[in-house]
C-alpha cells in the first residue's frame, strides 16, 4: 500500500477525544488503474457494488457534526455512479471536501466543470508516480495513464483549482525526487507529496530500504529549504529526522469504505463498525480502536522520540513486523 497523503503536518490540532478533523470517504471500489501497490484493503473485492447515493448521504449526515471537511477517494472516486449528485449535495450542505484521484477521468471536461463550479472543493491531490510514462506506469500498470494524469493536472491547475501531486516512492523514482517535483510544479501543482510504500513486499517495484531512505532524506532537506515538498505517510523520526507530527489515524480522522465500514485509516483492514447502524461516538471510544492506537514497533521501546513520533505510520506497525529494522543506518535515540 502507499498513497496515504495524510498531510499530518497540515493539521494544527489533534483529536482530543471528542471530535475528528476530517474523514476519508472511499466512495467506490472501482478503479481504472491497476496499481501494484494499491492502498485499498478491499482490492480483492472490487466487484461488490458501493453504497447508494442515499446511503452515502446518511453517512455524511452522521459525520457532519464531527468533522470540518471530507477527503473523497476510492478506488477512483470520479467513477462513483452518483459522483455529480454527491458533489451537489456537499455544495448544498456547505461541507468542504478534498478530492484524491488518479486523474484518469472518463469525461475530463464534465468533471472539471463540476469541480470548478463547486463552492466547497478545497483541493485536488492527483497521483503522479514518476516524471515520465515508464516510471509512473510501472506503478499504475495501465498504458496511457501517465498522459491522462498529466493532462488532468495541467488542466485542473489552469482552471484555477488548487492541485497537489502524490507520489509513492518506488524503485523507479526514488532517485528522481527533485526532477519529479520540478515537473509537478511546471504542470501547475502547488506542491508535491511523497509517500513511503508500506504494504506487503513488492520485489522489483518497491525501493530497497537504503534507497528509500536516501529519497526520504532528499524530501526532508528540500522541505527544510523551503521547497513545496511534503511527506505524506508519517516517517519514524529515528529513520529520518523530521518535523511531522505523529500518525493521526483514528485520532484526527477515520476512513469509511464503499460499504459504510469504518476503519482508523485507509491502509488498515481493521473494522471498527459500520456507520449505517453504529454511532460514530461509540466507534471512536471503542477498545478495538484504543488497542490499535497503542501498537508500536518493538524498536520504539525506550526511545526518547517516542512521544513525538509514535513509530511513524500506525498501519505499518501492523502490516509489517519491525518495518524499518532492515535499514542498517537507523540511529535510535538513546534510552532514558
Protein backbone atom coordinates (compact mmCIF):
# COMPACT_ATOMS: atom_id res chain seq x y z
CA UNK A 1 0.00 0.00 0.00
CA UNK A 2 1.15 3.51 -0.38
CA UNK A 3 -0.83 6.62 -1.24
CA UNK A 4 -1.62 7.86 2.26
CA UNK A 5 -1.13 11.61 1.96
CA UNK A 6 -2.40 12.16 5.48
CA UNK A 7 -0.83 15.62 5.49
CA UNK A 8 -0.40 15.34 9.23
CA UNK A 9 1.74 18.46 9.14
CA UNK A 10 -1.24 20.43 7.83
CA UNK A 11 -3.29 19.77 10.94
CA UNK A 12 -2.79 22.27 13.72
CA UNK A 13 -4.54 20.11 16.26
CA UNK A 14 -5.15 16.51 17.14
CA UNK A 15 -8.43 14.98 18.21
CA UNK A 16 -8.75 15.43 21.95
CA UNK A 17 -11.17 12.56 22.38
CA UNK A 18 -14.27 14.43 21.26
CA UNK A 19 -14.19 15.37 17.59
CA UNK A 20 -12.42 14.45 14.38
CA UNK A 21 -10.93 16.92 11.92
CA UNK A 22 -11.88 15.10 8.70
CA UNK A 23 -12.86 11.73 7.28
CA UNK A 24 -11.84 9.77 4.18
CA UNK A 25 -14.82 8.55 2.14
CA UNK A 26 -13.85 5.65 -0.16
CA UNK A 27 -16.80 6.22 -2.48
CA UNK A 28 -16.33 3.23 -4.76
CA UNK A 29 -14.05 0.18 -5.13
CA UNK A 30 -13.98 0.73 -8.90
CA UNK A 31 -10.71 1.97 -10.40
CA UNK A 32 -9.27 2.41 -13.90
CA UNK A 33 -5.67 1.91 -12.75
CA UNK A 34 -4.23 -1.39 -11.55
CA UNK A 35 -1.56 -0.19 -9.14
CA UNK A 36 0.73 -2.95 -7.91
CA UNK A 37 0.91 -1.29 -4.52
CA UNK A 38 -2.78 -0.39 -4.27
CA UNK A 39 -3.69 1.12 -0.91
CA UNK A 40 -7.23 -0.32 -0.95
CA UNK A 41 -7.56 -3.06 1.64
CA UNK A 42 -10.61 -4.27 -0.32
CA UNK A 43 -8.68 -4.62 -3.60
CA UNK A 44 -9.68 -8.29 -3.91
CA UNK A 45 -13.38 -7.45 -3.60
CA UNK A 46 -13.90 -4.70 -6.16
CA UNK A 47 -16.92 -6.41 -7.74
CA UNK A 48 -19.21 -5.63 -4.81
CA UNK A 49 -21.38 -2.57 -5.61
CA UNK A 50 -20.80 0.52 -3.46
CA UNK A 51 -23.36 2.28 -1.31
CA UNK A 52 -26.24 4.08 -2.95
CA UNK A 53 -26.36 7.85 -3.04
CA UNK A 54 -28.96 7.89 -0.24
CA UNK A 55 -26.76 5.68 1.94
CA UNK A 56 -23.75 7.97 1.44
CA UNK A 57 -25.95 10.93 2.38
CA UNK A 58 -26.88 9.11 5.58
CA UNK A 59 -23.20 8.55 6.37
CA UNK A 60 -22.22 12.15 5.62
CA UNK A 61 -25.00 13.37 7.90
CA UNK A 62 -23.66 11.10 10.66
CA UNK A 63 -20.19 12.59 10.15
CA UNK A 64 -21.16 16.25 9.72
CA UNK A 65 -21.35 17.13 13.45
CA UNK A 66 -17.86 15.67 13.95
CA UNK A 67 -15.73 16.80 11.00
CA UNK A 68 -14.62 20.03 9.38
CA UNK A 69 -14.19 18.59 5.88
CA UNK A 70 -14.02 15.36 3.88
CA UNK A 71 -11.48 13.62 1.65
CA UNK A 72 -13.19 11.89 -1.26
CA UNK A 73 -11.25 8.90 -2.53
CA UNK A 74 -11.88 5.37 -3.81
CA UNK A 75 -10.88 3.35 -5.89
CA UNK A 76 -11.19 6.24 -8.29
CA UNK A 77 -13.87 8.50 -6.76
CA UNK A 78 -14.97 10.07 -10.04
CA UNK A 79 -16.13 6.60 -11.17
CA UNK A 80 -18.77 6.53 -8.43
CA UNK A 81 -22.10 6.45 -10.35
CA UNK A 82 -23.59 9.33 -8.33
CA UNK A 83 -20.41 11.41 -8.04
CA UNK A 84 -22.06 14.50 -9.53
CA UNK A 85 -25.03 14.23 -7.20
CA UNK A 86 -22.79 13.82 -4.18
CA UNK A 87 -20.78 16.93 -5.05
CA UNK A 88 -24.04 18.86 -5.47
CA UNK A 89 -25.18 17.59 -2.08
CA UNK A 90 -21.92 18.69 -0.39
CA UNK A 91 -22.36 22.10 -2.00
CA UNK A 92 -25.87 22.32 -0.65
CA UNK A 93 -24.75 21.37 2.86
CA UNK A 94 -21.69 23.63 2.74
CA UNK A 95 -19.33 20.79 3.68
CA UNK A 96 -15.81 21.30 2.21
CA UNK A 97 -14.03 18.41 0.53
CA UNK A 98 -10.67 17.50 -0.97
CA UNK A 99 -10.51 15.06 -3.88
CA UNK A 100 -7.89 12.28 -4.04
CA UNK A 101 -7.81 11.00 -7.62
CA UNK A 102 -5.64 9.28 -10.22
CA UNK A 103 -6.59 11.92 -12.79
CA UNK A 104 -7.74 9.37 -15.39
CA UNK A 105 -11.19 10.88 -15.72
CA UNK A 106 -13.74 9.35 -18.09
CA UNK A 107 -15.02 12.79 -19.12
CA UNK A 108 -12.41 15.38 -18.18
CA UNK A 109 -14.42 18.37 -19.39
CA UNK A 110 -17.52 17.43 -17.42
CA UNK A 111 -15.60 16.61 -14.24
CA UNK A 112 -13.57 19.82 -14.45
CA UNK A 113 -16.73 21.87 -14.92
CA UNK A 114 -18.33 20.14 -11.95
CA UNK A 115 -15.37 20.85 -9.67
CA UNK A 116 -14.81 24.42 -10.87
CA UNK A 117 -18.49 25.09 -10.22
CA UNK A 118 -18.35 23.71 -6.67
CA UNK A 119 -18.29 26.21 -3.81
CA UNK A 120 -16.81 23.72 -1.34
CA UNK A 121 -13.97 21.99 -3.23
CA UNK A 122 -10.71 22.88 -1.47
CA UNK A 123 -8.08 21.00 -3.43
CA UNK A 124 -7.21 18.05 -5.64
CA UNK A 125 -4.48 15.51 -4.84
CA UNK A 126 -3.58 13.74 -8.09
CA UNK A 127 -1.33 10.68 -8.27
CA UNK A 128 1.92 11.17 -10.17
CA UNK A 129 4.37 8.32 -9.62
CA UNK A 130 7.16 9.48 -11.89
CA UNK A 131 8.25 12.26 -14.27
CA UNK A 132 7.71 10.04 -17.33
CA UNK A 133 5.41 7.29 -18.52
CA UNK A 134 7.83 4.46 -17.74
CA UNK A 135 8.23 5.33 -14.05
CA UNK A 136 4.58 6.27 -13.49
CA UNK A 137 3.12 3.26 -15.28
CA UNK A 138 5.48 0.82 -13.58
CA UNK A 139 3.23 1.50 -10.58
CA UNK A 140 -0.19 2.06 -12.20
CA UNK A 141 0.24 -0.80 -14.73
CA UNK A 142 -2.06 0.91 -17.23
CA UNK A 143 -0.59 2.21 -20.51
CA UNK A 144 -1.56 5.82 -21.15
CA UNK A 145 -2.33 6.58 -17.51
CA UNK A 146 0.66 8.94 -17.26
CA UNK A 147 -0.51 11.13 -20.15
CA UNK A 148 -4.05 11.25 -18.79
CA UNK A 149 -2.91 12.18 -15.27
CA UNK A 150 -0.52 14.86 -16.56
CA UNK A 151 -3.22 16.46 -18.71
CA UNK A 152 -5.66 16.46 -15.79
CA UNK A 153 -3.11 18.12 -13.50
CA UNK A 154 -2.36 20.73 -16.13
CA UNK A 155 -5.99 21.43 -16.98
CA UNK A 156 -7.20 21.49 -13.37
CA UNK A 157 -4.48 23.93 -12.31
CA UNK A 158 -5.15 26.14 -15.34
CA UNK A 159 -8.85 26.17 -14.40
CA UNK A 160 -7.97 27.68 -11.03
CA UNK A 161 -8.28 24.57 -8.87
CA UNK A 162 -5.66 24.04 -6.17
CA UNK A 163 -3.73 20.93 -7.20
CA UNK A 164 -1.03 18.89 -5.49
CA UNK A 165 0.62 15.69 -6.69
CA UNK A 166 1.01 12.47 -4.71
CA UNK A 167 3.86 10.02 -5.31
CA UNK A 168 4.62 6.62 -3.84
CA UNK A 169 8.38 6.09 -3.63
CA UNK A 170 9.39 3.08 -5.76
CA UNK A 171 12.46 1.52 -7.34
CA UNK A 172 11.64 3.56 -10.45
CA UNK A 173 11.54 7.03 -8.90
CA UNK A 174 13.49 7.06 -5.62
CA UNK A 175 16.38 8.97 -7.24
CA UNK A 176 14.16 11.44 -9.12
CA UNK A 177 12.54 13.39 -6.29
CA UNK A 178 13.85 16.78 -7.39
CA UNK A 179 13.08 16.08 -11.05
CA UNK A 180 9.58 14.90 -10.23
CA UNK A 181 8.91 17.91 -8.00
CA UNK A 182 10.05 20.33 -10.71
CA UNK A 183 7.86 18.52 -13.24
CA UNK A 184 4.81 18.69 -10.96
CA UNK A 185 5.32 22.42 -10.38
CA UNK A 186 5.73 23.00 -14.13
CA UNK A 187 2.26 21.48 -14.60
CA UNK A 188 0.78 23.99 -12.15
CA UNK A 189 0.81 21.95 -8.93
CA UNK A 190 1.27 23.96 -5.76
CA UNK A 191 3.29 21.25 -4.02
CA UNK A 192 4.37 17.61 -4.25
CA UNK A 193 3.61 14.95 -1.64
CA UNK A 194 5.78 11.84 -1.30
CA UNK A 195 4.69 8.66 0.47
CA UNK A 196 6.60 5.62 1.60
CA UNK A 197 5.34 2.30 0.30
CA UNK A 198 4.13 0.48 3.42
CA UNK A 199 2.41 -2.72 2.29
CA UNK A 200 3.42 -6.30 1.62
CA UNK A 201 6.84 -6.67 -0.09
CA UNK A 202 6.90 -5.90 -3.82
CA UNK A 203 10.21 -7.24 -5.20
CA UNK A 204 11.31 -5.30 -8.25
CA UNK A 205 8.95 -2.40 -7.63
CA UNK A 206 9.48 -1.43 -4.01
CA UNK A 207 12.59 0.68 -3.44
CA UNK A 208 15.26 -1.08 -1.39
CA UNK A 209 15.38 0.24 2.20
CA UNK A 210 18.61 2.18 1.74
CA UNK A 211 17.35 3.78 -1.48
CA UNK A 212 14.05 4.71 0.11
CA UNK A 213 15.99 6.23 2.99
CA UNK A 214 18.00 8.37 0.57
CA UNK A 215 14.79 9.59 -1.10
CA UNK A 216 13.27 10.47 2.27
CA UNK A 217 16.34 12.48 3.21
CA UNK A 218 16.14 14.46 -0.04
CA UNK A 219 12.45 15.20 0.61
CA UNK A 220 13.11 16.35 4.18
CA UNK A 221 16.05 18.51 3.06
CA UNK A 222 14.03 20.10 0.26
CA UNK A 223 11.19 20.86 2.64
CA UNK A 224 13.56 22.37 5.21
CA UNK A 225 14.99 24.59 2.48
CA UNK A 226 11.53 25.97 1.74
CA UNK A 227 10.65 23.95 -1.36
CA UNK A 228 6.97 22.94 -1.80
CA UNK A 229 7.57 19.30 -0.89
CA UNK A 230 5.86 17.31 1.85
CA UNK A 231 5.87 13.87 3.40
CA UNK A 232 2.57 12.02 3.22
CA UNK A 233 2.93 8.81 5.18
CA UNK A 234 4.43 9.58 8.61
CA UNK A 235 8.12 8.72 8.80
CA UNK A 236 9.73 7.45 12.02
CA UNK A 237 11.99 10.19 13.39
CA UNK A 238 14.81 7.73 14.02
CA UNK A 239 14.74 6.78 10.34
CA UNK A 240 14.98 10.35 9.04
CA UNK A 241 14.68 13.28 11.48
CA UNK A 242 11.67 15.38 10.50
CA UNK A 243 9.17 17.84 11.95
CA UNK A 244 5.96 15.96 11.11
CA UNK A 245 3.50 15.13 13.85
CA UNK A 246 2.75 11.51 14.83
CA UNK A 247 0.27 9.49 12.80
CA UNK A 248 -3.21 10.90 13.43
CA UNK A 249 -5.22 7.93 12.12
CA UNK A 250 -8.09 7.17 14.46
CA UNK A 251 -7.43 10.42 16.30
CA UNK A 252 -7.94 13.27 13.83
CA UNK A 253 -9.53 11.20 11.06
CA UNK A 254 -11.14 7.89 10.14
CA UNK A 255 -11.91 6.16 6.84
CA UNK A 256 -15.31 4.93 5.64
CA UNK A 257 -15.16 2.23 2.96
CA UNK A 258 -17.53 1.82 -0.04
CA UNK A 259 -19.97 -0.17 2.14
CA UNK A 260 -20.04 2.05 5.23
CA UNK A 261 -17.44 0.21 7.33
CA UNK A 262 -15.26 2.47 9.47
CA UNK A 263 -11.51 1.94 9.77
CA UNK A 264 -8.87 4.08 11.52
CA UNK A 265 -7.21 4.85 8.16
CA UNK A 266 -7.26 3.85 4.52
CA UNK A 267 -4.28 1.49 4.95
CA UNK A 268 -5.51 -0.74 7.75
CA UNK A 269 -8.03 -3.60 7.39
CA UNK A 270 -9.25 -3.13 10.98
CA UNK A 271 -13.02 -2.60 11.02
CA UNK A 272 -14.44 -0.63 13.93
CA UNK A 273 -18.09 -0.90 12.91
CA UNK A 274 -20.49 0.39 10.27
CA UNK A 275 -21.88 3.93 10.21
CA UNK A 276 -25.20 2.78 8.80
CA UNK A 277 -26.04 1.22 12.16
CA UNK A 278 -23.25 2.07 14.66
CA UNK A 279 -22.97 5.53 16.28
CA UNK A 280 -19.65 7.19 15.48
CA UNK A 281 -19.09 8.18 19.10
CA UNK A 282 -19.07 4.53 20.17
CA UNK A 283 -16.60 3.56 17.44
CA UNK A 284 -14.17 6.32 18.45
CA UNK A 285 -14.26 5.24 22.09
CA UNK A 286 -14.06 1.50 21.39
CA UNK A 287 -11.48 -0.78 22.94
CA UNK A 288 -10.64 -2.05 19.46
CA UNK A 289 -9.50 1.40 18.35
CA UNK A 290 -7.67 2.09 21.62
CA UNK A 291 -5.72 -1.16 21.29
CA UNK A 292 -4.81 -0.40 17.66
CA UNK A 293 -3.56 3.07 18.57
CA UNK A 294 -1.21 1.60 21.16
CA UNK A 295 0.65 -0.68 18.71
CA UNK A 296 4.29 0.35 18.39
CA UNK A 297 7.25 -1.37 16.69
CA UNK A 298 9.50 -3.17 19.15
CA UNK A 299 12.35 -0.83 18.17
CA UNK A 300 10.43 2.06 19.75
CA UNK A 301 10.78 0.64 23.27
CA UNK A 302 12.68 3.13 25.40
CA UNK A 303 13.19 5.63 22.57
CA UNK A 304 13.25 9.25 23.72
CA UNK A 305 11.49 10.29 20.48
CA UNK A 306 8.51 8.06 21.13
CA UNK A 307 6.09 10.81 22.22
CA UNK A 308 6.84 12.99 19.18
CA UNK A 309 6.96 10.13 16.68
CA UNK A 310 4.88 7.16 17.90
CA UNK A 311 6.76 4.92 15.48
CA UNK A 312 5.51 6.58 12.31
CA UNK A 313 2.59 5.08 10.40
CA UNK A 314 0.23 3.14 12.69
CA UNK A 315 -0.90 0.82 9.89
CA UNK A 316 2.67 -0.09 9.04
CA UNK A 317 3.21 -1.31 12.58
CA UNK A 318 0.58 -3.97 11.98
CA UNK A 319 1.25 -4.66 8.27
CA UNK A 320 4.94 -5.35 8.71
CA UNK A 321 6.97 -6.69 11.60
CA UNK A 322 9.77 -4.29 12.54
CA UNK A 323 9.06 -2.16 9.45
CA UNK A 324 12.40 -0.39 9.30
CA UNK A 325 14.69 -2.87 11.06
CA UNK A 326 16.33 -3.85 7.75
CA UNK A 327 17.73 -0.34 7.26
CA UNK A 328 21.25 -0.63 8.70
CA UNK A 329 21.83 3.09 9.21
CA UNK A 330 18.94 3.63 11.62
CA UNK A 331 20.19 5.54 14.64
CA UNK A 332 17.80 5.08 17.51
CA UNK A 333 17.61 7.78 20.14
CA UNK A 334 19.28 6.71 23.37
CA UNK A 335 17.10 5.15 26.02
CA UNK A 336 16.46 7.10 29.16
